[in-house]
């Protein structure tokens, strides 16, 4: 299986996020463009510890991300690969371009809660 950003439809979250998602059965692959200053933590409210419950493996092509865990945080910069285990929130510190891979079941369960939280946000 393979995909490119241009071969997948775009899904947006306001003007701060654009994702291109490929569902490969047990795993999701997705290309992301994220505006600097985006804080994803409000989307995880209601999940255990109000944190994302899906692991992610990824690579940052451009920009900088911060993964925040209960006991530490990690800054991932352009040119770096990463693994983010469950139990994190994410902030985009600079306009970013990434590719991530996640187990489909955990990702979809987390995104279902995130979608409800996004829908409940004003504006």
C-alpha atoms as a PDB file:
ATOM      1  CA  UNK A   1       0.000   0.000   0.000  1.00  0.00           C
ATOM      2  CA  UNK A   2       1.156   3.515  -0.655  1.00  0.00           C
ATOM      3  CA  UNK A   3      -0.216   7.040  -0.786  1.00  0.00           C
ATOM      4  CA  UNK A   4       0.903  10.587  -1.366  1.00  0.00           C
ATOM      5  CA  UNK A   5      -0.451  13.760   0.153  1.00  0.00           C
ATOM      6  CA  UNK A   6      -1.839  14.776  -3.242  1.00  0.00           C
ATOM      7  CA  UNK A   7      -3.617  11.445  -3.777  1.00  0.00           C
ATOM      8  CA  UNK A   8      -5.722  11.761  -0.593  1.00  0.00           C
ATOM      9  CA  UNK A   9      -8.641  14.132   0.069  1.00  0.00           C
ATOM     10  CA  UNK A  10      -8.073  16.972   2.533  1.00  0.00           C
ATOM     11  CA  UNK A  11      -9.881  17.216   5.865  1.00  0.00           C
ATOM     12  CA  UNK A  12      -9.620  20.531   7.687  1.00  0.00           C
ATOM     13  CA  UNK A  13     -10.108  21.900  11.179  1.00  0.00           C
ATOM     14  CA  UNK A  14     -10.729  25.604  10.722  1.00  0.00           C
ATOM     15  CA  UNK A  15      -7.694  27.325   9.282  1.00  0.00           C
ATOM     16  CA  UNK A  16      -5.280  25.658  11.728  1.00  0.00           C
ATOM     17  CA  UNK A  17      -5.170  22.035  10.501  1.00  0.00           C
ATOM     18  CA  UNK A  18      -5.294  20.101   7.248  1.00  0.00           C
ATOM     19  CA  UNK A  19      -4.913  16.321   7.125  1.00  0.00           C
ATOM     20  CA  UNK A  20      -4.833  13.816   4.265  1.00  0.00           C
ATOM     21  CA  UNK A  21      -5.737  10.357   5.643  1.00  0.00           C
ATOM     22  CA  UNK A  22      -5.159   6.841   4.313  1.00  0.00           C
ATOM     23  CA  UNK A  23      -6.931   3.960   6.088  1.00  0.00           C
ATOM     24  CA  UNK A  24      -4.828   0.825   5.661  1.00  0.00           C
ATOM     25  CA  UNK A  25      -6.868  -1.539   7.819  1.00  0.00           C
ATOM     26  CA  UNK A  26      -4.984  -1.917  11.088  1.00  0.00           C
ATOM     27  CA  UNK A  27      -3.077   1.356  10.580  1.00  0.00           C
ATOM     28  CA  UNK A  28      -3.764   4.923   9.490  1.00  0.00           C
ATOM     29  CA  UNK A  29      -1.242   7.048   7.620  1.00  0.00           C
ATOM     30  CA  UNK A  30      -1.764  10.781   7.371  1.00  0.00           C
ATOM     31  CA  UNK A  31      -0.027  13.872   6.110  1.00  0.00           C
ATOM     32  CA  UNK A  32      -0.606  16.975   8.225  1.00  0.00           C
ATOM     33  CA  UNK A  33      -0.209  20.734   7.824  1.00  0.00           C
ATOM     34  CA  UNK A  34      -0.586  22.500  11.174  1.00  0.00           C
ATOM     35  CA  UNK A  35      -0.541  26.217  11.893  1.00  0.00           C
ATOM     36  CA  UNK A  36       1.913  27.395  14.549  1.00  0.00           C
ATOM     37  CA  UNK A  37       0.191  28.144  17.846  1.00  0.00           C
ATOM     38  CA  UNK A  38      -2.342  25.317  17.510  1.00  0.00           C
ATOM     39  CA  UNK A  39      -3.036  23.607  20.846  1.00  0.00           C
ATOM     40  CA  UNK A  40      -4.802  20.263  20.502  1.00  0.00           C
ATOM     41  CA  UNK A  41      -5.337  19.699  24.264  1.00  0.00           C
ATOM     42  CA  UNK A  42      -9.004  20.904  24.295  1.00  0.00           C
ATOM     43  CA  UNK A  43      -9.839  18.098  21.851  1.00  0.00           C
ATOM     44  CA  UNK A  44      -8.796  15.372  24.315  1.00  0.00           C
ATOM     45  CA  UNK A  45     -11.013  16.463  27.224  1.00  0.00           C
ATOM     46  CA  UNK A  46     -13.043  13.481  28.398  1.00  0.00           C
ATOM     47  CA  UNK A  47     -10.415  10.890  27.498  1.00  0.00           C
ATOM     48  CA  UNK A  48      -8.405   9.290  30.341  1.00  0.00           C
ATOM     49  CA  UNK A  49      -6.292  12.066  31.942  1.00  0.00           C
ATOM     50  CA  UNK A  50      -7.620  14.362  29.152  1.00  0.00           C
ATOM     51  CA  UNK A  51      -4.820  13.004  26.930  1.00  0.00           C
ATOM     52  CA  UNK A  52      -4.677  11.428  23.469  1.00  0.00           C
ATOM     53  CA  UNK A  53      -5.001   7.649  23.778  1.00  0.00           C
ATOM     54  CA  UNK A  54      -3.457   6.725  20.423  1.00  0.00           C
ATOM     55  CA  UNK A  55       0.234   6.107  19.789  1.00  0.00           C
ATOM     56  CA  UNK A  56       1.810   7.870  16.812  1.00  0.00           C
ATOM     57  CA  UNK A  57       4.970   7.313  14.819  1.00  0.00           C
ATOM     58  CA  UNK A  58       5.916  10.251  12.646  1.00  0.00           C
ATOM     59  CA  UNK A  59       8.355  12.578  10.955  1.00  0.00           C
ATOM     60  CA  UNK A  60       8.452  16.385  10.970  1.00  0.00           C
ATOM     61  CA  UNK A  61       9.349  17.805   7.572  1.00  0.00           C
ATOM     62  CA  UNK A  62       8.915  21.440   8.640  1.00  0.00           C
ATOM     63  CA  UNK A  63       8.275  23.258  11.925  1.00  0.00           C
ATOM     64  CA  UNK A  64       8.240  22.215  15.546  1.00  0.00           C
ATOM     65  CA  UNK A  65       5.849  20.214  17.766  1.00  0.00           C
ATOM     66  CA  UNK A  66       5.628  19.794  21.539  1.00  0.00           C
ATOM     67  CA  UNK A  67       4.287  16.537  22.993  1.00  0.00           C
ATOM     68  CA  UNK A  68       3.213  17.031  26.605  1.00  0.00           C
ATOM     69  CA  UNK A  69       3.001  14.028  28.941  1.00  0.00           C
ATOM     70  CA  UNK A  70       2.005  13.787  32.590  1.00  0.00           C
ATOM     71  CA  UNK A  71       5.642  13.843  33.764  1.00  0.00           C
ATOM     72  CA  UNK A  72       7.624  15.445  30.903  1.00  0.00           C
ATOM     73  CA  UNK A  73       7.458  17.041  27.494  1.00  0.00           C
ATOM     74  CA  UNK A  74       9.355  16.573  24.247  1.00  0.00           C
ATOM     75  CA  UNK A  75      10.059  19.063  21.462  1.00  0.00           C
ATOM     76  CA  UNK A  76      10.279  17.534  17.973  1.00  0.00           C
ATOM     77  CA  UNK A  77      11.820  19.682  15.228  1.00  0.00           C
ATOM     78  CA  UNK A  78      12.053  19.511  11.442  1.00  0.00           C
ATOM     79  CA  UNK A  79      14.204  16.601  10.341  1.00  0.00           C
ATOM     80  CA  UNK A  80      13.329  14.416  13.328  1.00  0.00           C
ATOM     81  CA  UNK A  81      11.339  11.185  13.554  1.00  0.00           C
ATOM     82  CA  UNK A  82       9.328  10.494  16.701  1.00  0.00           C
ATOM     83  CA  UNK A  83       7.233   8.053  18.647  1.00  0.00           C
ATOM     84  CA  UNK A  84       4.474   9.522  20.841  1.00  0.00           C
ATOM     85  CA  UNK A  85       2.955   6.872  23.127  1.00  0.00           C
ATOM     86  CA  UNK A  86      -0.618   7.198  24.416  1.00  0.00           C
ATOM     87  CA  UNK A  87      -1.092   9.750  27.189  1.00  0.00           C
ATOM     88  CA  UNK A  88      -0.036  12.994  25.514  1.00  0.00           C
ATOM     89  CA  UNK A  89      -1.353  16.295  24.266  1.00  0.00           C
ATOM     90  CA  UNK A  90       0.213  18.212  21.401  1.00  0.00           C
ATOM     91  CA  UNK A  91       0.999  21.823  20.596  1.00  0.00           C
ATOM     92  CA  UNK A  92       2.332  23.078  17.283  1.00  0.00           C
ATOM     93  CA  UNK A  93       5.035  25.631  18.092  1.00  0.00           C
ATOM     94  CA  UNK A  94       5.798  26.620  14.470  1.00  0.00           C
ATOM     95  CA  UNK A  95       3.928  26.032  11.200  1.00  0.00           C
ATOM     96  CA  UNK A  96       4.498  22.315  10.630  1.00  0.00           C
ATOM     97  CA  UNK A  97       4.316  19.618   7.969  1.00  0.00           C
ATOM     98  CA  UNK A  98       4.309  16.012   9.217  1.00  0.00           C
ATOM     99  CA  UNK A  99       3.492  12.450   8.323  1.00  0.00           C
ATOM    100  CA  UNK A 100       2.153  10.156  11.062  1.00  0.00           C
ATOM    101  CA  UNK A 101       1.158   6.522  11.421  1.00  0.00           C
ATOM    102  CA  UNK A 102      -1.222   5.218  14.112  1.00  0.00           C
ATOM    103  CA  UNK A 103      -3.177   2.037  14.879  1.00  0.00           C
ATOM    104  CA  UNK A 104      -6.621   2.565  13.354  1.00  0.00           C
ATOM    105  CA  UNK A 105      -8.761   1.447  16.327  1.00  0.00           C
ATOM    106  CA  UNK A 106      -7.017   3.650  18.901  1.00  0.00           C
ATOM    107  CA  UNK A 107      -6.824   6.585  16.491  1.00  0.00           C
ATOM    108  CA  UNK A 108     -10.503   6.441  15.517  1.00  0.00           C
ATOM    109  CA  UNK A 109     -11.678   6.090  19.140  1.00  0.00           C
ATOM    110  CA  UNK A 110      -9.621   9.130  20.146  1.00  0.00           C
ATOM    111  CA  UNK A 111     -10.753  11.134  17.104  1.00  0.00           C
ATOM    112  CA  UNK A 112     -14.422  10.409  17.878  1.00  0.00           C
ATOM    113  CA  UNK A 113     -14.035  12.226  21.209  1.00  0.00           C
ATOM    114  CA  UNK A 114     -11.958  14.969  19.574  1.00  0.00           C
ATOM    115  CA  UNK A 115     -14.672  15.544  16.941  1.00  0.00           C
ATOM    116  CA  UNK A 116     -17.353  15.958  19.643  1.00  0.00           C
ATOM    117  CA  UNK A 117     -15.128  18.414  21.531  1.00  0.00           C
ATOM    118  CA  UNK A 118     -14.412  20.351  18.341  1.00  0.00           C
ATOM    119  CA  UNK A 119     -18.113  20.527  17.517  1.00  0.00           C
ATOM    120  CA  UNK A 120     -18.845  21.898  21.009  1.00  0.00           C
ATOM    121  CA  UNK A 121     -16.285  24.720  20.682  1.00  0.00           C
ATOM    122  CA  UNK A 122     -17.665  28.180  19.959  1.00  0.00           C
ATOM    123  CA  UNK A 123     -16.992  29.721  16.544  1.00  0.00           C
END
